[in-house]
Protein backbone atom coordinates (compact mmCIF):
# COMPACT_ATOMS: atom_id res chain seq x y z
CA MET A 1 -3.30 -15.87 15.88
CA GLN A 2 -4.39 -12.71 14.17
CA PHE A 3 -3.64 -12.59 10.45
CA ALA A 4 -6.34 -11.41 8.70
CA SER A 5 -4.96 -8.14 7.80
CA ASP A 6 -2.39 -5.34 9.04
CA ASN A 7 -5.62 -2.99 9.15
CA ALA A 8 -6.80 -4.85 11.86
CA GLY A 9 -3.92 -4.41 14.40
CA PRO A 10 -3.35 -1.71 17.17
CA VAL A 11 -2.10 1.80 16.91
CA HIS A 12 1.56 1.84 18.32
CA PRO A 13 1.99 3.76 21.56
CA LYS A 14 4.06 6.24 20.65
CA ILE A 15 1.39 7.23 17.76
CA MET A 16 -1.09 7.57 20.96
CA GLU A 17 1.29 9.63 22.97
CA ALA A 18 1.67 11.85 19.83
CA LEU A 19 -2.24 12.62 19.61
CA SER A 20 -2.28 13.15 23.11
CA ARG A 21 0.61 15.87 22.99
CA VAL A 22 -1.46 17.86 20.40
CA ASN A 23 -4.72 17.62 22.03
CA THR A 24 -4.13 20.82 23.61
CA GLY A 25 -4.87 24.51 23.32
CA HIS A 26 -6.05 25.98 20.13
CA VAL A 27 -3.77 26.29 16.86
CA GLY A 28 -4.43 26.96 13.22
CA SER A 29 -6.77 24.77 11.46
CA TYR A 30 -6.78 22.79 7.72
CA GLY A 31 -3.15 22.42 8.13
CA ALA A 32 -1.89 25.85 9.30
CA ASP A 33 -0.05 24.60 12.52
CA PRO A 34 3.07 23.91 13.53
CA GLU A 35 2.84 20.24 13.71
CA THR A 36 1.78 19.96 10.21
CA ASP A 37 4.83 21.80 9.03
CA ARG A 38 7.04 19.65 11.04
CA ALA A 39 5.65 16.49 9.81
CA VAL A 40 6.09 18.01 6.05
CA ASN A 41 9.68 18.81 6.83
CA MET A 42 10.52 15.46 8.24
CA ILE A 43 9.10 13.72 5.01
CA ARG A 44 11.20 15.95 2.97
CA ASP A 45 14.30 15.05 4.88
CA VAL A 46 13.47 11.33 4.93
CA PHE A 47 13.26 11.50 1.15
CA GLU A 48 15.73 13.87 0.55
CA ALA A 49 13.22 15.85 -1.42
CA PRO A 50 13.28 19.19 -0.06
CA GLU A 51 11.20 20.84 -2.87
CA ALA A 52 8.51 18.08 -2.64
CA ALA A 53 4.83 18.99 -2.00
CA VAL A 54 3.55 17.03 1.11
CA HIS A 55 -0.18 16.58 2.00
CA PHE A 56 -2.05 14.06 4.41
CA VAL A 57 -5.43 12.44 4.01
CA ALA A 58 -6.75 9.92 6.57
CA THR A 59 -7.13 6.92 4.30
CA GLY A 60 -5.30 4.99 1.46
CA THR A 61 -8.55 5.16 -0.85
CA ALA A 62 -8.33 9.18 -0.96
CA ALA A 63 -4.75 9.20 -0.97
CA ASN A 64 -4.70 6.96 -4.16
CA SER A 65 -7.86 8.35 -5.83
CA LEU A 66 -7.03 11.95 -5.36
CA ALA A 67 -3.27 11.70 -6.38
CA LEU A 68 -4.47 10.18 -9.53
CA ALA A 69 -7.00 12.50 -10.18
CA SER A 70 -4.40 15.41 -10.38
CA TYR A 71 -2.95 13.58 -13.19
CA THR A 72 -5.77 12.26 -15.12
CA GLN A 73 -8.46 13.86 -17.42
CA PRO A 74 -11.72 12.15 -17.62
CA PHE A 75 -11.13 10.82 -21.22
CA GLN A 76 -7.75 9.08 -20.24
CA THR A 77 -7.14 5.74 -18.50
CA VAL A 78 -4.93 4.48 -15.91
CA PHE A 79 -2.41 1.84 -16.69
CA CYS A 80 -1.92 -0.49 -13.60
CA SER A 81 -1.91 -4.46 -12.96
CA ASP A 82 -5.07 -6.52 -12.71
CA THR A 83 -4.50 -7.00 -9.08
CA ALA A 84 -3.73 -3.49 -8.28
CA HIS A 85 -5.36 -2.13 -4.85
CA ILE A 86 -6.95 0.69 -7.12
CA HIS A 87 -8.77 -2.22 -9.06
CA GLU A 88 -9.52 -4.69 -6.38
CA ASP A 89 -10.33 -3.08 -3.25
CA GLU A 90 -11.29 0.85 -3.91
CA CYS A 91 -15.02 0.45 -5.09
CA ASN A 92 -14.45 2.16 -8.30
CA ALA A 93 -13.00 5.43 -5.84
CA PRO A 94 -10.50 6.31 -8.36
CA GLU A 95 -12.72 6.17 -11.49
CA PHE A 96 -15.23 8.44 -9.35
CA PHE A 97 -12.65 11.14 -8.16
CA MET A 98 -11.26 11.05 -11.84
CA GLY A 99 -14.53 12.17 -13.36
CA GLY A 100 -15.07 8.72 -15.00
CA ALA A 101 -11.59 8.06 -16.35
CA LYS A 102 -10.90 4.00 -16.84
CA LEU A 103 -8.42 1.64 -15.41
CA THR A 104 -6.83 -0.44 -17.94
CA LEU A 105 -5.16 -3.48 -16.52
CA VAL A 106 -2.01 -5.26 -17.38
CA ALA A 107 -2.02 -8.99 -16.66
CA THR A 108 0.36 -10.29 -14.16
CA GLU A 109 1.50 -13.55 -12.54
CA ASP A 110 2.31 -12.55 -9.32
CA GLY A 111 0.94 -8.77 -9.26
CA ARG A 112 4.04 -7.32 -10.59
CA MET A 113 3.79 -5.68 -13.97
CA THR A 114 6.57 -6.38 -16.41
CA PRO A 115 7.95 -3.79 -18.81
CA ASP A 116 6.89 -5.41 -21.80
CA ALA A 117 3.58 -6.14 -20.80
CA LEU A 118 3.09 -2.57 -19.66
CA ARG A 119 4.47 -1.39 -23.08
CA VAL A 120 2.00 -3.57 -24.78
CA SER A 121 -0.81 -2.36 -22.99
CA ILE A 122 0.04 1.12 -23.52
CA LYS A 123 0.45 0.78 -27.00
CA ALA A 124 -3.09 -0.57 -27.49
CA GLU A 125 -4.54 2.58 -26.13
CA GLY A 126 -4.40 6.03 -27.24
CA THR A 127 -4.62 4.65 -30.90
CA ARG A 128 -8.32 5.25 -31.88
CA GLY A 129 -8.34 9.03 -31.75
CA VAL A 130 -11.49 10.66 -30.43
CA HIS A 131 -13.12 7.20 -30.25
CA GLY A 132 -11.01 5.62 -27.34
CA PRO A 133 -9.54 6.59 -24.20
CA GLN A 134 -6.31 8.76 -24.09
CA ARG A 135 -3.48 7.26 -22.36
CA GLY A 136 -3.02 8.37 -18.85
CA PRO A 137 -0.70 7.55 -15.69
CA VAL A 138 0.91 4.43 -14.85
CA SER A 139 0.19 3.22 -11.00
CA VAL A 140 2.37 0.58 -9.30
CA THR A 141 1.34 -0.82 -5.96
CA ASN A 142 4.39 -1.76 -3.76
CA VAL A 143 4.10 -4.24 -1.73
CA THR A 144 1.68 -5.66 -4.45
CA GLU A 145 -1.66 -7.24 -3.43
CA ARG A 146 -0.11 -10.78 -3.76
CA GLY A 147 2.61 -10.02 -1.14
CA THR A 148 5.48 -9.40 -3.68
CA VAL A 149 7.57 -6.48 -3.87
CA TYR A 150 9.28 -4.67 -6.72
CA SER A 151 12.93 -3.94 -6.70
CA VAL A 152 14.08 -0.59 -7.26
CA ALA A 153 15.42 -1.47 -10.62
CA GLU A 154 11.98 -3.23 -11.67
CA ILE A 155 10.26 0.09 -10.88
CA GLU A 156 13.13 2.33 -12.74
CA ALA A 157 12.11 -0.18 -16.05
CA LEU A 158 8.42 0.45 -15.38
CA ALA A 159 9.30 4.18 -15.26
CA LYS A 160 11.33 4.01 -18.24
CA VAL A 161 8.42 2.87 -20.17
CA ALA A 162 5.92 5.24 -18.72
CA GLN A 163 8.56 8.34 -19.89
CA ASP A 164 8.71 6.99 -23.19
CA PHE A 165 5.07 7.67 -23.63
CA ASN A 166 5.50 10.88 -21.84
CA LEU A 167 3.03 9.50 -18.72
CA PRO A 168 3.44 10.09 -14.94
CA LEU A 169 4.24 7.50 -12.53
CA HIS A 170 2.37 6.87 -9.40
CA LEU A 171 3.49 4.58 -6.45
CA ASP A 172 0.75 3.09 -3.99
CA GLY A 173 2.99 2.89 -1.33
CA ALA A 174 0.19 1.73 1.47
CA ARG A 175 3.00 -0.63 2.45
CA PHE A 176 5.80 1.53 1.30
CA ALA A 177 7.99 1.04 4.70
CA ASN A 178 7.41 -3.03 4.01
CA ALA A 179 8.86 -2.61 0.59
CA LEU A 180 11.80 -0.92 1.76
CA VAL A 181 12.99 -2.89 4.42
CA ALA A 182 12.71 -5.85 2.07
CA THR A 183 14.79 -4.75 -0.15
CA ASN A 184 17.30 -2.80 1.65
CA ALA A 185 16.52 0.64 -0.22
CA THR A 186 16.14 4.01 1.01
CA PRO A 187 12.92 5.93 0.56
CA ALA A 188 14.83 8.33 -2.34
CA GLU A 189 15.75 5.09 -4.28
CA MET A 190 12.36 3.61 -4.60
CA SER A 191 10.42 7.10 -5.17
CA TRP A 192 11.55 9.96 -7.04
CA ARG A 193 15.19 8.71 -8.26
CA ALA A 194 13.27 5.56 -9.45
CA GLY A 195 10.92 7.97 -11.79
CA VAL A 196 8.15 8.17 -9.58
CA ASP A 197 6.07 11.35 -9.86
CA VAL A 198 3.45 11.18 -6.98
CA LEU A 199 3.81 8.74 -4.21
CA SER A 200 0.81 7.47 -1.63
CA PHE A 201 2.95 7.04 1.23
CA GLY A 202 0.96 4.79 3.95
CA GLY A 203 0.90 4.85 7.49
CA THR A 204 -2.32 3.37 8.50
CA LYS A 205 -1.27 -0.50 7.89
CA ASN A 206 1.93 0.16 9.95
CA GLY A 207 0.85 1.29 13.57
CA CYS A 208 -0.94 4.59 12.71
CA MET A 209 -4.16 5.13 13.53
CA GLY A 210 -5.35 6.66 10.05
CA VAL A 211 -2.80 9.01 8.15
CA GLU A 212 -1.31 8.74 4.53
CA ALA A 213 0.89 11.52 2.74
CA VAL A 214 0.80 12.19 -0.72
CA ILE A 215 4.11 13.45 -2.01
CA PHE A 216 4.23 15.33 -4.92
CA PHE A 217 7.94 15.13 -6.16
CA ASP A 218 7.35 17.81 -8.91
CA PRO A 219 5.06 20.09 -6.86
CA GLU A 220 3.30 21.40 -10.37
CA LYS A 221 0.32 19.31 -9.53
CA ALA A 222 0.04 20.15 -5.68
CA TRP A 223 -2.52 23.05 -5.80
CA GLU A 224 -4.90 21.27 -8.04
CA PHE A 225 -4.63 18.16 -5.18
CA GLU A 226 -5.53 20.69 -2.73
CA LEU A 227 -8.53 21.67 -4.27
CA ARG A 228 -9.60 18.51 -4.86
CA ARG A 229 -8.88 17.16 -1.42
CA LYS A 230 -11.32 19.99 -0.05
CA ARG A 231 -13.97 19.52 -2.87
CA GLY A 232 -13.75 15.69 -2.23
CA GLY A 233 -14.46 15.98 1.83
CA HIS A 234 -10.90 14.69 2.83
CA LEU A 235 -9.33 18.07 4.20
CA PHE A 236 -9.39 17.42 7.86
CA SER A 237 -10.13 20.67 9.93
CA LYS A 238 -8.40 19.68 13.01
CA HIS A 239 -5.33 18.59 10.54
CA ARG A 240 -2.92 18.48 13.57
CA TYR A 241 -4.33 15.10 14.65
CA LEU A 242 -3.23 13.64 11.02
CA SER A 243 0.36 15.46 11.03
CA ALA A 244 1.05 14.42 14.74
CA GLN A 245 0.68 10.79 13.49
CA MET A 246 3.08 11.08 10.77
CA SER A 247 5.77 12.89 12.97
CA ALA A 248 5.56 10.15 15.41
CA TYR A 249 5.59 7.52 12.66
CA LEU A 250 8.65 8.97 11.44
CA GLU A 251 10.65 9.97 14.73
CA GLU A 252 13.75 7.97 15.23
CA GLY A 253 12.83 5.72 12.40
CA LEU A 254 10.11 4.19 14.22
CA TRP A 255 8.17 3.41 10.84
CA LEU A 256 11.04 1.24 9.32
CA ASP A 257 11.31 -0.43 12.85
CA LEU A 258 7.56 -1.68 12.80
CA ALA A 259 8.12 -2.73 9.15
CA ARG A 260 10.63 -4.72 10.09
CA ARG A 261 8.83 -6.18 12.83
CA ALA A 262 5.80 -7.11 10.49
CA ASN A 263 8.33 -8.65 7.62
CA ALA A 264 10.30 -10.82 10.54
CA ALA A 265 6.85 -11.84 11.91
CA ASN A 266 5.87 -12.98 8.46
CA ALA A 267 9.30 -14.87 7.62
CA ARG A 268 8.88 -16.77 11.13
CA LEU A 269 5.25 -17.84 9.82
CA VAL A 270 6.44 -18.69 6.30
CA ALA A 271 9.68 -20.90 7.95
CA GLY A 272 6.86 -22.95 9.89
CA LEU A 273 4.43 -23.36 6.91
CA ARG A 274 7.41 -24.47 4.97
CA THR A 275 8.44 -26.92 7.69
CA ALA A 276 4.78 -28.15 8.10
CA ASP A 277 4.85 -29.01 4.30
CA MET A 278 1.24 -29.30 4.29
CA GLY A 279 0.54 -27.23 0.71
CA GLN A 280 2.40 -24.52 -1.25
CA PHE A 281 3.31 -20.98 -1.67
CA LEU A 282 1.26 -19.23 -4.51
CA TRP A 283 3.47 -16.28 -4.47
CA SER A 284 6.67 -15.25 -3.28
CA PRO A 285 6.06 -14.26 0.45
CA ASP A 286 8.69 -11.00 -0.02
CA ALA A 287 7.17 -8.79 2.80
CA ASN A 288 4.65 -9.09 5.45
CA MET A 289 1.92 -11.14 3.44
CA THR A 290 1.81 -14.48 2.44
CA PHE A 291 -0.55 -16.65 0.30
CA ALA A 292 -0.29 -20.49 0.84
CA THR A 293 -2.91 -23.34 0.42
CA LEU A 294 -3.61 -25.82 3.02
CA PRO A 295 -5.97 -28.76 3.19
CA ALA A 296 -9.57 -28.07 4.24
CA LYS A 297 -9.32 -29.90 7.26
CA ILE A 298 -6.37 -27.72 8.53
CA HIS A 299 -8.30 -24.65 7.85
CA ALA A 300 -11.25 -25.96 9.83
CA ALA A 301 -9.03 -26.94 12.66
CA ALA A 302 -7.27 -23.43 12.73
CA PHE A 303 -10.18 -21.68 12.70
CA ASP A 304 -11.62 -23.85 15.50
CA SER A 305 -8.63 -23.00 17.35
CA GLY A 306 -9.41 -19.34 17.01
CA ALA A 307 -7.31 -18.18 14.01
CA SER A 308 -8.36 -15.30 12.03
CA TYR A 309 -7.01 -15.26 8.25
CA HIS A 310 -8.97 -14.88 4.81
CA LEU A 311 -9.43 -17.71 2.24
CA VAL A 312 -8.91 -16.63 -1.14
CA ASP A 313 -10.12 -20.09 -3.25
CA GLY A 314 -14.02 -19.83 -1.83
CA PRO A 315 -16.05 -21.04 1.00
CA LEU A 316 -14.79 -23.53 3.49
CA GLU A 317 -18.39 -25.06 3.65
CA GLY A 318 -18.92 -27.95 1.33
CA ALA A 319 -14.98 -28.52 0.55
CA SER A 320 -13.54 -32.11 0.89
CA PHE A 321 -10.87 -32.59 3.96
CA ASP A 322 -8.26 -32.87 1.39
CA THR A 323 -8.93 -30.17 -1.06
CA GLN A 324 -6.39 -27.51 -1.06
CA LEU A 325 -7.83 -24.08 -0.53
CA GLY A 326 -5.58 -20.85 -0.83
CA ALA A 327 -5.63 -18.46 2.12
CA ARG A 328 -3.99 -14.85 2.88
CA PHE A 329 -2.12 -14.56 5.89
CA VAL A 330 -1.01 -10.96 6.89
CA CYS A 331 1.25 -9.59 9.93
CA ASP A 332 1.70 -6.60 11.44
CA TRP A 333 4.03 -4.75 13.87
CA SER A 334 2.08 -6.48 16.78
CA THR A 335 2.19 -9.81 15.43
CA GLU A 336 3.85 -11.96 18.53
CA GLU A 337 6.15 -15.01 18.04
CA ALA A 338 4.21 -16.93 20.41
CA ALA A 339 1.15 -16.33 18.45
CA ILE A 340 2.66 -17.48 15.27
CA ASP A 341 4.18 -20.55 17.23
CA THR A 342 0.90 -21.49 18.55
CA PHE A 343 -0.99 -21.15 15.29
CA LEU A 344 1.86 -23.45 13.66
CA ALA A 345 1.36 -26.04 16.50
CA HIS A 346 -2.03 -26.03 15.74
CA LEU A 347 -1.30 -26.91 12.15
CA LYS A 348 0.93 -29.49 12.80
CA ALA A 349 -1.19 -31.16 15.49
């Protein structure tokens, strides 16, 4: 009954097999190896972007921070939602790698920026000359940190606003696969065709050991990224172990299959919570992450039974039995139907 995070799940066996496969002999280091070439070409094929520049790092924080740093001057600001991962969960790493550039937060109700709100925020900056921050990139998180998903049309609308101000668009796609299968979009439709300039393409949350791809659909900034990656200590010498993960991840559509499993598990959990009718959903559970309220006594019973997930409304201690407390539930590719059903049975009991 593990619903704490898709980071906590196991590595898919095919990813482990790929790591074992490349663990022989001697090949070029720092990405000068056949496996890296293969993984790069696979990504270009998947995204229908033969000219894209593709680089691998081990963490989402590195992917987001280094990608944004390649587009941001220290005196600029990045526009993102008030719940963006780069704001909530990366310990100011983007600001660090950007040399002190700030984040300007766009207020949201469900984690998704609206074009109107983004336009207002952009207009409010860059108006004070030398005394204020200058306008920089727009960063979108999909799936959002509230479990909601931007449609392709919604990303296109945000990209249009960014383009009106001649600003680049970054997409934080740590759960990009989950967003794709939730919307039935293609990788190209949800990225460069929608106006995305650079994508942080996640693998770690969806069955990999630790690999993220940074995809520059316009290669202009790719060399700067390479320099920043090396300077920031994120260029792996034994690079083939990153690339092998990505190759196996993309092979025969494994990445989409794993995302479908995670989303389907979440849908089963959501259906059960709705049937139990003990609380309410805080936001639309569009992909593999759900936020819902339950009475404190139900949370207590669930934790006693061995369930693992995170409360979002403060500690359980001291809350009255009937107090509704919000919680976050995350499913990954390995979440089993039996575990979901057991968890729901405990709630009903």
